[in-house]
Amino acid sequence: MMTKILLATLVVALMVSLATVASAQEAKKEAKKEMMEVKSVACDPQCGFKVQSHDEQELTDIVIAHAKKSHNMDVTAKDVKAKMKPVSSKDAKKAKS
């Protein structure tokens, strides 16, 4: 009887451990995907400013600086995030060339 309880406890502990590892791996994949996805923000066509980056924070900082310097506008990180658009991998490769 004691052996069955011990075995059941061991099986449950093993299942929890495996679930934790799988969850951590999934979170890591999701974070990597976010870093790999190129995003862009474009200013008014009359201005012509456009920036692309894998890093949302970098993109946000650049756009805020551009808005302040070129247009004397104060924009927030939330404003910039609302304007971000994913760039297709084909367009991202063109931009690197």
PDB file of N, CA and C in Angstrom:
ATOM      1  N   MET A   1       0.824  -1.190   0.000  1.00  0.00           N
ATOM      2  CA  MET A   1       0.000   0.000   0.000  1.00  0.00           C
ATOM      3  C   MET A   1       0.879   1.269   0.000  1.00  0.00           C
ATOM      4  N   MET A   2       1.870   1.270   0.878  1.00  0.00           N
ATOM      5  CA  MET A   2       2.777   2.418   0.981  1.00  0.00           C
ATOM      6  C   MET A   2       3.569   2.597  -0.310  1.00  0.00           C
ATOM      7  N   THR A   3       3.919   1.506  -0.941  1.00  0.00           N
ATOM      8  CA  THR A   3       4.668   1.563  -2.195  1.00  0.00           C
ATOM      9  C   THR A   3       3.823   2.220  -3.289  1.00  0.00           C
ATOM     10  N   LYS A   4       2.530   1.906  -3.340  1.00  0.00           N
ATOM     11  CA  LYS A   4       1.644   2.495  -4.347  1.00  0.00           C
ATOM     12  C   LYS A   4       1.495   4.003  -4.127  1.00  0.00           C
ATOM     13  N   ILE A   5       1.377   4.418  -2.880  1.00  0.00           N
ATOM     14  CA  ILE A   5       1.255   5.851  -2.568  1.00  0.00           C
ATOM     15  C   ILE A   5       2.534   6.581  -2.972  1.00  0.00           C
ATOM     16  N   LEU A   6       3.662   5.979  -2.624  1.00  0.00           N
ATOM     17  CA  LEU A   6       4.950   6.581  -2.971  1.00  0.00           C
ATOM     18  C   LEU A   6       5.120   6.665  -4.485  1.00  0.00           C
ATOM     19  N   LEU A   7       4.752   5.624  -5.190  1.00  0.00           N
ATOM     20  CA  LEU A   7       4.849   5.601  -6.642  1.00  0.00           C
ATOM     21  C   LEU A   7       3.919   6.645  -7.269  1.00  0.00           C
ATOM     22  N   ALA A   8       2.704   6.755  -6.762  1.00  0.00           N
ATOM     23  CA  ALA A   8       1.747   7.744  -7.274  1.00  0.00           C
ATOM     24  C   ALA A   8       2.276   9.158  -7.044  1.00  0.00           C
ATOM     25  N   THR A   9       2.862   9.410  -5.886  1.00  0.00           N
ATOM     26  CA  THR A   9       3.434  10.721  -5.572  1.00  0.00           C
ATOM     27  C   THR A   9       4.585  11.036  -6.514  1.00  0.00           C
ATOM     28  N   LEU A  10       5.418  10.063  -6.778  1.00  0.00           N
ATOM     29  CA  LEU A  10       6.535  10.233  -7.684  1.00  0.00           C
ATOM     30  C   LEU A  10       6.059  10.539  -9.102  1.00  0.00           C
ATOM     31  N   VAL A  11       5.025   9.851  -9.560  1.00  0.00           N
ATOM     32  CA  VAL A  11       4.476  10.079 -10.900  1.00  0.00           C
ATOM     33  C   VAL A  11       3.909  11.500 -11.001  1.00  0.00           C
ATOM     34  N   VAL A  12       3.187  11.941  -9.981  1.00  0.00           N
ATOM     35  CA  VAL A  12       2.621  13.291  -9.984  1.00  0.00           C
ATOM     36  C   VAL A  12       3.742  14.335 -10.005  1.00  0.00           C
ATOM     37  N   ALA A  13       4.775  14.127  -9.202  1.00  0.00           N
ATOM     38  CA  ALA A  13       5.897  15.066  -9.168  1.00  0.00           C
ATOM     39  C   ALA A  13       6.597  15.129 -10.529  1.00  0.00           C
ATOM     40  N   LEU A  14       6.756  13.989 -11.163  1.00  0.00           N
ATOM     41  CA  LEU A  14       7.377  13.939 -12.486  1.00  0.00           C
ATOM     42  C   LEU A  14       6.529  14.675 -13.522  1.00  0.00           C
ATOM     43  N   MET A  15       5.217  14.490 -13.468  1.00  0.00           N
ATOM     44  CA  MET A  15       4.319  15.164 -14.409  1.00  0.00           C
ATOM     45  C   MET A  15       4.358  16.679 -14.216  1.00  0.00           C
ATOM     46  N   VAL A  16       4.393  17.140 -12.982  1.00  0.00           N
ATOM     47  CA  VAL A  16       4.471  18.570 -12.700  1.00  0.00           C
ATOM     48  C   VAL A  16       5.796  19.132 -13.225  1.00  0.00           C
ATOM     49  N   SER A  17       6.868  18.400 -13.013  1.00  0.00           N
ATOM     50  CA  SER A  17       8.176  18.841 -13.496  1.00  0.00           C
ATOM     51  C   SER A  17       8.196  18.967 -15.011  1.00  0.00           C
ATOM     52  N   LEU A  18       7.662  17.979 -15.702  1.00  0.00           N
ATOM     53  CA  LEU A  18       7.632  18.015 -17.165  1.00  0.00           C
ATOM     54  C   LEU A  18       6.749  19.152 -17.674  1.00  0.00           C
ATOM     55  N   ALA A  19       5.629  19.396 -17.016  1.00  0.00           N
ATOM     56  CA  ALA A  19       4.738  20.481 -17.414  1.00  0.00           C
ATOM     57  C   ALA A  19       5.432  21.834 -17.226  1.00  0.00           C
ATOM     58  N   THR A  20       6.189  21.969 -16.152  1.00  0.00           N
ATOM     59  CA  THR A  20       6.908  23.211 -15.884  1.00  0.00           C
ATOM     60  C   THR A  20       7.970  23.460 -16.952  1.00  0.00           C
ATOM     61  N   VAL A  21       8.704  22.427 -17.322  1.00  0.00           N
ATOM     62  CA  VAL A  21       9.734  22.553 -18.357  1.00  0.00           C
ATOM     63  C   VAL A  21       9.093  22.918 -19.695  1.00  0.00           C
ATOM     64  N   ALA A  22       8.000  22.269 -20.032  1.00  0.00           N
ATOM     65  CA  ALA A  22       7.317  22.553 -21.297  1.00  0.00           C
ATOM     66  C   ALA A  22       6.803  23.987 -21.319  1.00  0.00           C
ATOM     67  N   SER A  23       6.282  24.443 -20.211  1.00  0.00           N
ATOM     68  CA  SER A  23       5.775  25.813 -20.121  1.00  0.00           C
ATOM     69  C   SER A  23       6.902  26.832 -20.269  1.00  0.00           C
ATOM     70  N   ALA A  24       8.028  26.570 -19.649  1.00  0.00           N
ATOM     71  CA  ALA A  24       9.184  27.471 -19.752  1.00  0.00           C
ATOM     72  C   ALA A  24       9.712  27.513 -21.186  1.00  0.00           C
ATOM     73  N   GLN A  25       9.752  26.363 -21.844  1.00  0.00           N
ATOM     74  CA  GLN A  25      10.222  26.327 -23.227  1.00  0.00           C
ATOM     75  C   GLN A  25       9.277  27.098 -24.144  1.00  0.00           C
ATOM     76  N   GLU A  26       7.980  26.982 -23.908  1.00  0.00           N
ATOM     77  CA  GLU A  26       6.998  27.710 -24.720  1.00  0.00           C
ATOM     78  C   GLU A  26       7.138  29.216 -24.514  1.00  0.00           C
ATOM     79  N   ALA A  27       7.358  29.647 -23.290  1.00  0.00           N
ATOM     80  CA  ALA A  27       7.544  31.069 -23.003  1.00  0.00           C
ATOM     81  C   ALA A  27       8.807  31.591 -23.692  1.00  0.00           C
ATOM     82  N   LYS A  28       9.851  30.785 -23.698  1.00  0.00           N
ATOM     83  CA  LYS A  28      11.103  31.179 -24.343  1.00  0.00           C
ATOM     84  C   LYS A  28      10.893  31.314 -25.860  1.00  0.00           C
ATOM     85  N   LYS A  29      10.156  30.385 -26.454  1.00  0.00           N
ATOM     86  CA  LYS A  29       9.873  30.447 -27.888  1.00  0.00           C
ATOM     87  C   LYS A  29       9.079  31.710 -28.215  1.00  0.00           C
ATOM     88  N   GLU A  30       8.101  32.029 -27.376  1.00  0.00           N
ATOM     89  CA  GLU A  30       7.267  33.202 -27.607  1.00  0.00           C
ATOM     90  C   GLU A  30       8.094  34.480 -27.520  1.00  0.00           C
ATOM     91  N   ALA A  31       8.974  34.563 -26.532  1.00  0.00           N
ATOM     92  CA  ALA A  31       9.831  35.742 -26.382  1.00  0.00           C
ATOM     93  C   ALA A  31      10.775  35.876 -27.579  1.00  0.00           C
ATOM     94  N   LYS A  32      11.311  34.752 -28.040  1.00  0.00           N
ATOM     95  CA  LYS A  32      12.213  34.775 -29.194  1.00  0.00           C
ATOM     96  C   LYS A  32      11.462  35.216 -30.444  1.00  0.00           C
ATOM     97  N   LYS A  33      10.231  34.749 -30.596  1.00  0.00           N
ATOM     98  CA  LYS A  33       9.426  35.126 -31.751  1.00  0.00           C
ATOM     99  C   LYS A  33       9.187  36.632 -31.758  1.00  0.00           C
ATOM    100  N   GLU A  34       8.877  37.204 -30.592  1.00  0.00           N
ATOM    101  CA  GLU A  34       8.658  38.640 -30.506  1.00  0.00           C
ATOM    102  C   GLU A  34       9.915  39.416 -30.887  1.00  0.00           C
ATOM    103  N   MET A  35      11.076  38.920 -30.486  1.00  0.00           N
ATOM    104  CA  MET A  35      12.322  39.603 -30.816  1.00  0.00           C
ATOM    105  C   MET A  35      12.673  39.436 -32.293  1.00  0.00           C
ATOM    106  N   MET A  36      12.244  38.350 -32.912  1.00  0.00           N
ATOM    107  CA  MET A  36      12.587  38.094 -34.310  1.00  0.00           C
ATOM    108  C   MET A  36      11.666  38.860 -35.258  1.00  0.00           C
ATOM    109  N   GLU A  37      10.454  39.187 -34.795  1.00  0.00           N
ATOM    110  CA  GLU A  37       9.504  39.861 -35.661  1.00  0.00           C
ATOM    111  C   GLU A  37       9.904  41.325 -35.862  1.00  0.00           C
ATOM    112  N   VAL A  38      10.112  41.687 -37.103  1.00  0.00           N
ATOM    113  CA  VAL A  38      10.471  43.066 -37.428  1.00  0.00           C
ATOM    114  C   VAL A  38       9.184  43.888 -37.471  1.00  0.00           C
ATOM    115  N   LYS A  39       9.233  45.040 -36.830  1.00  0.00           N
ATOM    116  CA  LYS A  39       8.092  45.944 -36.837  1.00  0.00           C
ATOM    117  C   LYS A  39       8.545  47.283 -37.399  1.00  0.00           C
ATOM    118  N   SER A  40       7.587  48.036 -37.925  1.00  0.00           N
ATOM    119  CA  SER A  40       7.927  49.337 -38.488  1.00  0.00           C
ATOM    120  C   SER A  40       6.912  50.390 -38.071  1.00  0.00           C
ATOM    121  N   VAL A  41       7.364  51.619 -38.133  1.00  0.00           N
ATOM    122  CA  VAL A  41       6.493  52.781 -37.931  1.00  0.00           C
ATOM    123  C   VAL A  41       6.857  53.772 -39.028  1.00  0.00           C
ATOM    124  N   ALA A  42       5.839  54.298 -39.680  1.00  0.00           N
ATOM    125  CA  ALA A  42       6.067  55.278 -40.743  1.00  0.00           C
ATOM    126  C   ALA A  42       5.370  56.579 -40.380  1.00  0.00           C
ATOM    127  N   CYS A  43       6.032  57.666 -40.663  1.00  0.00           N
ATOM    128  CA  CYS A  43       5.485  58.998 -40.451  1.00  0.00           C
ATOM    129  C   CYS A  43       4.577  59.337 -41.638  1.00  0.00           C
ATOM    130  N   ASP A  44       4.013  60.504 -41.596  1.00  0.00           N
ATOM    131  CA  ASP A  44       3.192  60.996 -42.689  1.00  0.00           C
ATOM    132  C   ASP A  44       3.974  60.898 -44.010  1.00  0.00           C
ATOM    133  N   PRO A  45       3.323  60.533 -45.116  1.00  0.00           N
ATOM    134  CA  PRO A  45       4.039  60.416 -46.390  1.00  0.00           C
ATOM    135  C   PRO A  45       4.777  61.688 -46.812  1.00  0.00           C
ATOM    136  N   GLN A  46       4.269  62.845 -46.420  1.00  0.00           N
ATOM    137  CA  GLN A  46       4.959  64.091 -46.750  1.00  0.00           C
ATOM    138  C   GLN A  46       6.313  64.164 -46.058  1.00  0.00           C
ATOM    139  N   CYS A  47       6.403  63.584 -44.865  1.00  0.00           N
ATOM    140  CA  CYS A  47       7.666  63.571 -44.116  1.00  0.00           C
ATOM    141  C   CYS A  47       8.595  62.502 -44.685  1.00  0.00           C
ATOM    142  N   GLY A  48       8.042  61.304 -44.907  1.00  0.00           N
ATOM    143  CA  GLY A  48       8.829  60.220 -45.477  1.00  0.00           C
ATOM    144  C   GLY A  48       9.637  59.402 -44.484  1.00  0.00           C
ATOM    145  N   PHE A  49       9.578  59.728 -43.199  1.00  0.00           N
ATOM    146  CA  PHE A  49      10.339  58.996 -42.188  1.00  0.00           C
ATOM    147  C   PHE A  49       9.733  57.618 -41.981  1.00  0.00           C
ATOM    148  N   LYS A  50      10.599  56.592 -41.960  1.00  0.00           N
ATOM    149  CA  LYS A  50      10.169  55.223 -41.689  1.00  0.00           C
ATOM    150  C   LYS A  50      11.302  54.510 -40.977  1.00  0.00           C
ATOM    151  N   VAL A  51      10.959  53.727 -39.957  1.00  0.00           N
ATOM    152  CA  VAL A  51      11.970  52.998 -39.201  1.00  0.00           C
ATOM    153  C   VAL A  51      11.477  51.578 -38.953  1.00  0.00           C
ATOM    154  N   GLN A  52      12.417  50.620 -38.973  1.00  0.00           N
ATOM    155  CA  GLN A  52      12.125  49.208 -38.715  1.00  0.00           C
ATOM    156  C   GLN A  52      13.095  48.687 -37.682  1.00  0.00           C
ATOM    157  N   SER A  53      12.613  47.772 -36.843  1.00  0.00           N
ATOM    158  CA  SER A  53      13.496  47.164 -35.856  1.00  0.00           C
ATOM    159  C   SER A  53      12.874  45.886 -35.315  1.00  0.00           C
ATOM    160  N   HIS A  54      13.753  45.010 -34.819  1.00  0.00           N
ATOM    161  CA  HIS A  54      13.321  43.815 -34.089  1.00  0.00           C
ATOM    162  C   HIS A  54      12.966  44.185 -32.657  1.00  0.00           C
ATOM    163  N   ASP A  55      13.514  45.280 -32.179  1.00  0.00           N
ATOM    164  CA  ASP A  55      13.400  45.688 -30.779  1.00  0.00           C
ATOM    165  C   ASP A  55      12.357  46.800 -30.646  1.00  0.00           C
ATOM    166  N   GLU A  56      11.222  46.483 -30.005  1.00  0.00           N
ATOM    167  CA  GLU A  56      10.150  47.467 -29.857  1.00  0.00           C
ATOM    168  C   GLU A  56      10.599  48.697 -29.071  1.00  0.00           C
ATOM    169  N   GLN A  57      11.438  48.503 -28.065  1.00  0.00           N
ATOM    170  CA  GLN A  57      11.895  49.635 -27.259  1.00  0.00           C
ATOM    171  C   GLN A  57      12.751  50.580 -28.106  1.00  0.00           C
ATOM    172  N   GLU A  58      13.639  50.002 -28.914  1.00  0.00           N
ATOM    173  CA  GLU A  58      14.471  50.816 -29.805  1.00  0.00           C
ATOM    174  C   GLU A  58      13.591  51.597 -30.782  1.00  0.00           C
ATOM    175  N   LEU A  59      12.629  50.916 -31.362  1.00  0.00           N
ATOM    176  CA  LEU A  59      11.708  51.538 -32.306  1.00  0.00           C
ATOM    177  C   LEU A  59      10.957  52.690 -31.640  1.00  0.00           C
ATOM    178  N   THR A  60      10.468  52.452 -30.438  1.00  0.00           N
ATOM    179  CA  THR A  60       9.737  53.475 -29.691  1.00  0.00           C
ATOM    180  C   THR A  60      10.607  54.693 -29.425  1.00  0.00           C
ATOM    181  N   ASP A  61      11.825  54.466 -28.965  1.00  0.00           N
ATOM    182  CA  ASP A  61      12.734  55.579 -28.661  1.00  0.00           C
ATOM    183  C   ASP A  61      13.029  56.423 -29.900  1.00  0.00           C
ATOM    184  N   ILE A  62      13.256  55.763 -31.027  1.00  0.00           N
ATOM    185  CA  ILE A  62      13.576  56.472 -32.267  1.00  0.00           C
ATOM    186  C   ILE A  62      12.380  57.306 -32.736  1.00  0.00           C
ATOM    187  N   VAL A  63      11.182  56.721 -32.682  1.00  0.00           N
ATOM    188  CA  VAL A  63       9.995  57.433 -33.147  1.00  0.00           C
ATOM    189  C   VAL A  63       9.682  58.630 -32.244  1.00  0.00           C
ATOM    190  N   ILE A  64       9.815  58.455 -30.938  1.00  0.00           N
ATOM    191  CA  ILE A  64       9.566  59.566 -30.011  1.00  0.00           C
ATOM    192  C   ILE A  64      10.545  60.708 -30.282  1.00  0.00           C
ATOM    193  N   ALA A  65      11.809  60.369 -30.496  1.00  0.00           N
ATOM    194  CA  ALA A  65      12.825  61.391 -30.783  1.00  0.00           C
ATOM    195  C   ALA A  65      12.523  62.092 -32.111  1.00  0.00           C
ATOM    196  N   HIS A  66      12.129  61.332 -33.127  1.00  0.00           N
ATOM    197  CA  HIS A  66      11.795  61.918 -34.428  1.00  0.00           C
ATOM    198  C   HIS A  66      10.609  62.874 -34.300  1.00  0.00           C
ATOM    199  N   ALA A  67       9.565  62.449 -33.607  1.00  0.00           N
ATOM    200  CA  ALA A  67       8.369  63.285 -33.459  1.00  0.00           C
ATOM    201  C   ALA A  67       8.702  64.603 -32.768  1.00  0.00           C
ATOM    202  N   LYS A  68       9.541  64.529 -31.749  1.00  0.00           N
ATOM    203  CA  LYS A  68       9.918  65.732 -31.002  1.00  0.00           C
ATOM    204  C   LYS A  68      10.800  66.649 -31.857  1.00  0.00           C
ATOM    205  N   LYS A  69      11.833  66.086 -32.474  1.00  0.00           N
ATOM    206  CA  LYS A  69      12.806  66.883 -33.226  1.00  0.00           C
ATOM    207  C   LYS A  69      12.226  67.439 -34.532  1.00  0.00           C
ATOM    208  N   SER A  70      11.548  66.597 -35.279  1.00  0.00           N
ATOM    209  CA  SER A  70      11.094  67.007 -36.614  1.00  0.00           C
ATOM    210  C   SER A  70       9.722  67.675 -36.636  1.00  0.00           C
ATOM    211  N   HIS A  71       8.876  67.342 -35.661  1.00  0.00           N
ATOM    212  CA  HIS A  71       7.504  67.837 -35.702  1.00  0.00           C
ATOM    213  C   HIS A  71       7.081  68.567 -34.424  1.00  0.00           C
ATOM    214  N   ASN A  72       8.006  68.676 -33.467  1.00  0.00           N
ATOM    215  CA  ASN A  72       7.722  69.306 -32.180  1.00  0.00           C
ATOM    216  C   ASN A  72       6.473  68.706 -31.523  1.00  0.00           C
ATOM    217  N   MET A  73       6.366  67.363 -31.614  1.00  0.00           N
ATOM    218  CA  MET A  73       5.223  66.641 -31.042  1.00  0.00           C
ATOM    219  C   MET A  73       5.694  65.772 -29.886  1.00  0.00           C
ATOM    220  N   ASP A  74       4.868  65.705 -28.863  1.00  0.00           N
ATOM    221  CA  ASP A  74       5.137  64.800 -27.750  1.00  0.00           C
ATOM    222  C   ASP A  74       4.244  63.582 -27.915  1.00  0.00           C
ATOM    223  N   VAL A  75       4.854  62.447 -28.232  1.00  0.00           N
ATOM    224  CA  VAL A  75       4.094  61.200 -28.353  1.00  0.00           C
ATOM    225  C   VAL A  75       4.536  60.251 -27.247  1.00  0.00           C
ATOM    226  N   THR A  76       3.651  59.373 -26.870  1.00  0.00           N
ATOM    227  CA  THR A  76       3.944  58.414 -25.805  1.00  0.00           C
ATOM    228  C   THR A  76       4.309  57.062 -26.407  1.00  0.00           C
ATOM    229  N   ALA A  77       4.858  56.211 -25.573  1.00  0.00           N
ATOM    230  CA  ALA A  77       5.177  54.847 -26.007  1.00  0.00           C
ATOM    231  C   ALA A  77       3.900  54.133 -26.441  1.00  0.00           C
ATOM    232  N   LYS A  78       2.796  54.425 -25.766  1.00  0.00           N
ATOM    233  CA  LYS A  78       1.515  53.816 -26.131  1.00  0.00           C
ATOM    234  C   LYS A  78       1.084  54.262 -27.537  1.00  0.00           C
ATOM    235  N   ASP A  79       1.300  55.546 -27.848  1.00  0.00           N
ATOM    236  CA  ASP A  79       0.985  56.058 -29.186  1.00  0.00           C
ATOM    237  C   ASP A  79       1.812  55.329 -30.250  1.00  0.00           C
ATOM    238  N   VAL A  80       3.095  55.163 -29.962  1.00  0.00           N
ATOM    239  CA  VAL A  80       3.990  54.513 -30.922  1.00  0.00           C
ATOM    240  C   VAL A  80       3.582  53.056 -31.114  1.00  0.00           C
ATOM    241  N   LYS A  81       3.301  52.365 -30.016  1.00  0.00           N
ATOM    242  CA  LYS A  81       2.917  50.951 -30.100  1.00  0.00           C
ATOM    243  C   LYS A  81       1.666  50.787 -30.966  1.00  0.00           C
ATOM    244  N   ALA A  82       0.744  51.738 -30.872  1.00  0.00           N
ATOM    245  CA  ALA A  82      -0.476  51.673 -31.674  1.00  0.00           C
ATOM    246  C   ALA A  82      -0.181  51.827 -33.164  1.00  0.00           C
ATOM    247  N   LYS A  83       0.917  52.475 -33.509  1.00  0.00           N
ATOM    248  CA  LYS A  83       1.287  52.701 -34.912  1.00  0.00           C
ATOM    249  C   LYS A  83       2.189  51.596 -35.477  1.00  0.00           C
ATOM    250  N   MET A  84       2.713  50.724 -34.618  1.00  0.00           N
ATOM    251  CA  MET A  84       3.626  49.664 -35.079  1.00  0.00           C
ATOM    252  C   MET A  84       2.891  48.664 -35.950  1.00  0.00           C
ATOM    253  N   LYS A  85       3.561  48.281 -37.022  1.00  0.00           N
ATOM    254  CA  LYS A  85       3.017  47.268 -37.925  1.00  0.00           C
ATOM    255  C   LYS A  85       4.085  46.211 -38.164  1.00  0.00           C
ATOM    256  N   PRO A  86       3.683  44.948 -38.205  1.00  0.00           N
ATOM    257  CA  PRO A  86       4.665  43.903 -38.523  1.00  0.00           C
ATOM    258  C   PRO A  86       5.117  44.029 -39.973  1.00  0.00           C
ATOM    259  N   VAL A  87       6.371  43.728 -40.188  1.00  0.00           N
ATOM    260  CA  VAL A  87       6.956  43.781 -41.525  1.00  0.00           C
ATOM    261  C   VAL A  87       7.087  42.348 -42.022  1.00  0.00           C
ATOM    262  N   SER A  88       6.682  42.106 -43.257  1.00  0.00           N
ATOM    263  CA  SER A  88       6.831  40.758 -43.807  1.00  0.00           C
ATOM    264  C   SER A  88       8.309  40.434 -43.919  1.00  0.00           C
ATOM    265  N   SER A  89       8.653  39.173 -43.858  1.00  0.00           N
ATOM    266  CA  SER A  89      10.062  38.784 -43.932  1.00  0.00           C
ATOM    267  C   SER A  89      10.676  39.208 -45.262  1.00  0.00           C
ATOM    268  N   LYS A  90       9.884  39.234 -46.325  1.00  0.00           N
ATOM    269  CA  LYS A  90      10.365  39.676 -47.637  1.00  0.00           C
ATOM    270  C   LYS A  90      10.753  41.159 -47.588  1.00  0.00           C
ATOM    271  N   ASP A  91       9.913  41.986 -46.963  1.00  0.00           N
ATOM    272  CA  ASP A  91      10.207  43.415 -46.851  1.00  0.00           C
ATOM    273  C   ASP A  91      11.395  43.664 -45.934  1.00  0.00           C
ATOM    274  N   ALA A  92      11.531  42.872 -44.883  1.00  0.00           N
ATOM    275  CA  ALA A  92      12.659  43.026 -43.953  1.00  0.00           C
ATOM    276  C   ALA A  92      13.971  42.714 -44.665  1.00  0.00           C
ATOM    277  N   LYS A  93      13.977  41.712 -45.528  1.00  0.00           N
ATOM    278  CA  LYS A  93      15.196  41.362 -46.268  1.00  0.00           C
ATOM    279  C   LYS A  93      15.571  42.476 -47.245  1.00  0.00           C
ATOM    280  N   LYS A  94      14.567  43.097 -47.883  1.00  0.00           N
ATOM    281  CA  LYS A  94      14.827  44.211 -48.786  1.00  0.00           C
ATOM    282  C   LYS A  94      15.477  45.367 -48.057  1.00  0.00           C
ATOM    283  N   ALA A  95      14.997  45.641 -46.837  1.00  0.00           N
ATOM    284  CA  ALA A  95      15.497  46.766 -46.067  1.00  0.00           C
ATOM    285  C   ALA A  95      16.958  46.562 -45.684  1.00  0.00           C
ATOM    286  N   LYS A  96      17.377  45.311 -45.488  1.00  0.00           N
ATOM    287  CA  LYS A  96      18.773  45.015 -45.118  1.00  0.00           C
ATOM    288  C   LYS A  96      19.711  45.206 -46.294  1.00  0.00           C
ATOM    289  N   SER A  97      19.199  45.063 -47.512  1.00  0.00           N
ATOM    290  CA  SER A  97      20.031  45.152 -48.716  1.00  0.00           C
ATOM    291  C   SER A  97      20.484  46.561 -48.994  1.00  0.00           C
TER     292      SER A  97
END
